[in-house]
Amino acid sequence: MTMTTTQRILDLAAAAPACHGEELVLLLREANELYQQGLQDLHRDVAARLGGLAIADLVSAAETAGMPCDTSQDRDEVILLLALVEWEMTPAAMAYTEMAEDAARRGVCLIPEE
């Protein structure tokens, strides 16, 4: 049985509260890669679904979704913004965000200290 990106992120998020230090960093790293993969996959789907729309219609859809943009933006950028809005509402993205915020409150993040 193949585990979906969503299920793996949910599993990692469920395991994260019991992890600390390097173990938590490893979970965050894997979850981040899956988050990026999920966004890329959805971006391709959104581009295929909305690719035929005029830029004005894309901008209108983005504004309706709460993502400010204008017709001077590149159509690919607007499509990415629409994909991001849609992705952020998925259980996988919400679980990752919660996991990363919890880890940050515990002093763990993926950005190296200087």
Protein backbone atom coordinates (compact mmCIF):
# COMPACT_ATOMS: atom_id res chain seq x y z
CA MET A 1 0.00 0.00 0.00
CA THR A 2 1.35 3.41 -0.99
CA MET A 3 1.18 6.13 1.63
CA THR A 4 -0.04 9.49 0.37
CA THR A 5 1.78 12.74 0.97
CA THR A 6 -1.09 13.87 3.17
CA GLN A 7 -1.05 10.73 5.30
CA ARG A 8 2.72 10.87 5.77
CA ILE A 9 2.61 14.54 6.83
CA LEU A 10 -0.22 13.74 9.25
CA ASP A 11 1.83 10.85 10.66
CA LEU A 12 4.90 13.06 11.06
CA ALA A 13 2.84 15.79 12.73
CA ALA A 14 1.37 13.22 15.14
CA ALA A 15 4.85 11.96 16.04
CA ALA A 16 6.43 15.41 16.41
CA PRO A 17 5.22 16.29 19.94
CA ALA A 18 7.15 13.30 21.37
CA CYS A 19 10.35 14.22 19.50
CA HIS A 20 13.11 16.61 20.50
CA GLY A 21 16.31 18.07 19.10
CA GLU A 22 17.79 16.41 16.02
CA GLU A 23 14.98 13.86 15.84
CA LEU A 24 12.46 16.70 15.54
CA VAL A 25 14.63 18.44 12.92
CA LEU A 26 14.62 15.24 10.85
CA LEU A 27 10.81 15.03 11.08
CA LEU A 28 10.49 18.69 10.10
CA ARG A 29 12.86 18.22 7.17
CA GLU A 30 10.88 15.26 5.82
CA ALA A 31 7.57 17.03 6.37
CA ASN A 32 8.90 20.15 4.64
CA GLU A 33 9.96 18.14 1.59
CA LEU A 34 6.52 16.51 1.47
CA TYR A 35 4.85 19.92 1.90
CA GLN A 36 6.82 21.28 -1.07
CA GLN A 37 6.02 18.17 -3.12
CA GLY A 38 2.32 18.48 -2.32
CA LEU A 39 2.31 22.15 -3.31
CA GLN A 40 4.10 21.37 -6.58
CA ASP A 41 1.63 18.58 -7.38
CA LEU A 42 -1.33 20.83 -6.66
CA HIS A 43 0.27 23.66 -8.64
CA ARG A 44 0.38 21.40 -11.71
CA ASP A 45 -3.28 20.46 -11.19
CA VAL A 46 -4.36 24.08 -10.76
CA ALA A 47 -2.34 25.15 -13.82
CA ALA A 48 -4.05 22.46 -15.90
CA ARG A 49 -7.47 23.37 -14.53
CA LEU A 50 -7.13 27.16 -14.88
CA GLY A 51 -4.57 27.49 -17.65
CA GLY A 52 -7.14 28.55 -20.23
CA LEU A 53 -8.49 31.48 -18.22
CA ALA A 54 -7.64 35.07 -19.07
CA ILE A 55 -5.24 36.82 -16.67
CA ALA A 56 -8.05 39.14 -15.52
CA ASP A 57 -10.14 36.12 -14.52
CA LEU A 58 -7.17 34.60 -12.69
CA VAL A 59 -6.56 37.85 -10.83
CA SER A 60 -10.24 38.05 -9.92
CA ALA A 61 -10.15 34.47 -8.61
CA ALA A 62 -7.03 35.23 -6.56
CA GLU A 63 -8.58 38.36 -5.08
CA THR A 64 -11.76 36.45 -4.26
CA ALA A 65 -9.60 33.86 -2.48
CA GLY A 66 -8.02 36.63 -0.41
CA MET A 67 -4.69 36.76 -2.24
CA PRO A 68 -4.00 40.33 -3.41
CA CYS A 69 -2.55 40.60 -6.90
CA ASP A 70 -3.04 42.56 -10.10
CA THR A 71 -3.01 42.14 -13.86
CA SER A 72 0.63 43.26 -14.06
CA GLN A 73 1.66 39.96 -12.48
CA ASP A 74 2.75 37.06 -14.62
CA ARG A 75 -0.05 34.51 -15.21
CA ASP A 76 2.16 31.70 -13.87
CA GLU A 77 2.68 33.65 -10.67
CA VAL A 78 -1.07 34.19 -10.24
CA ILE A 79 -1.71 30.49 -10.85
CA LEU A 80 0.92 29.67 -8.21
CA LEU A 81 -0.80 32.04 -5.77
CA LEU A 82 -4.13 30.29 -6.42
CA ALA A 83 -2.48 26.91 -5.87
CA LEU A 84 -0.93 28.16 -2.63
CA VAL A 85 -4.29 29.38 -1.34
CA GLU A 86 -5.85 26.02 -2.16
CA TRP A 87 -2.90 24.06 -0.69
CA GLU A 88 -2.91 26.00 2.57
CA MET A 89 -6.45 24.77 3.22
CA THR A 90 -5.54 21.07 2.92
CA PRO A 91 -5.16 18.87 6.00
CA ALA A 92 -1.52 18.20 5.04
CA ALA A 93 -0.57 21.86 4.86
CA MET A 94 -2.43 22.72 8.07
CA ALA A 95 -0.76 19.83 9.91
CA TYR A 96 2.68 20.86 8.67
CA THR A 97 2.12 24.48 9.67
CA GLU A 98 0.99 23.44 13.14
CA MET A 99 3.97 21.07 13.45
CA ALA A 100 6.46 23.76 12.39
CA GLU A 101 4.91 26.35 14.74
CA ASP A 102 5.03 23.93 17.66
CA ALA A 103 8.65 23.05 16.90
CA ALA A 104 9.53 26.75 16.69
CA ARG A 105 7.96 27.37 20.11
CA ARG A 106 10.32 24.65 21.37
CA GLY A 107 13.31 26.33 19.71
CA VAL A 108 13.59 24.01 16.72
CA CYS A 109 13.44 25.15 13.11
CA LEU A 110 14.94 24.33 9.73
CA ILE A 111 16.65 27.71 9.34
CA PRO A 112 20.24 27.36 10.56
CA GLU A 113 21.43 29.81 13.17
CA GLU A 114 24.22 32.13 12.15
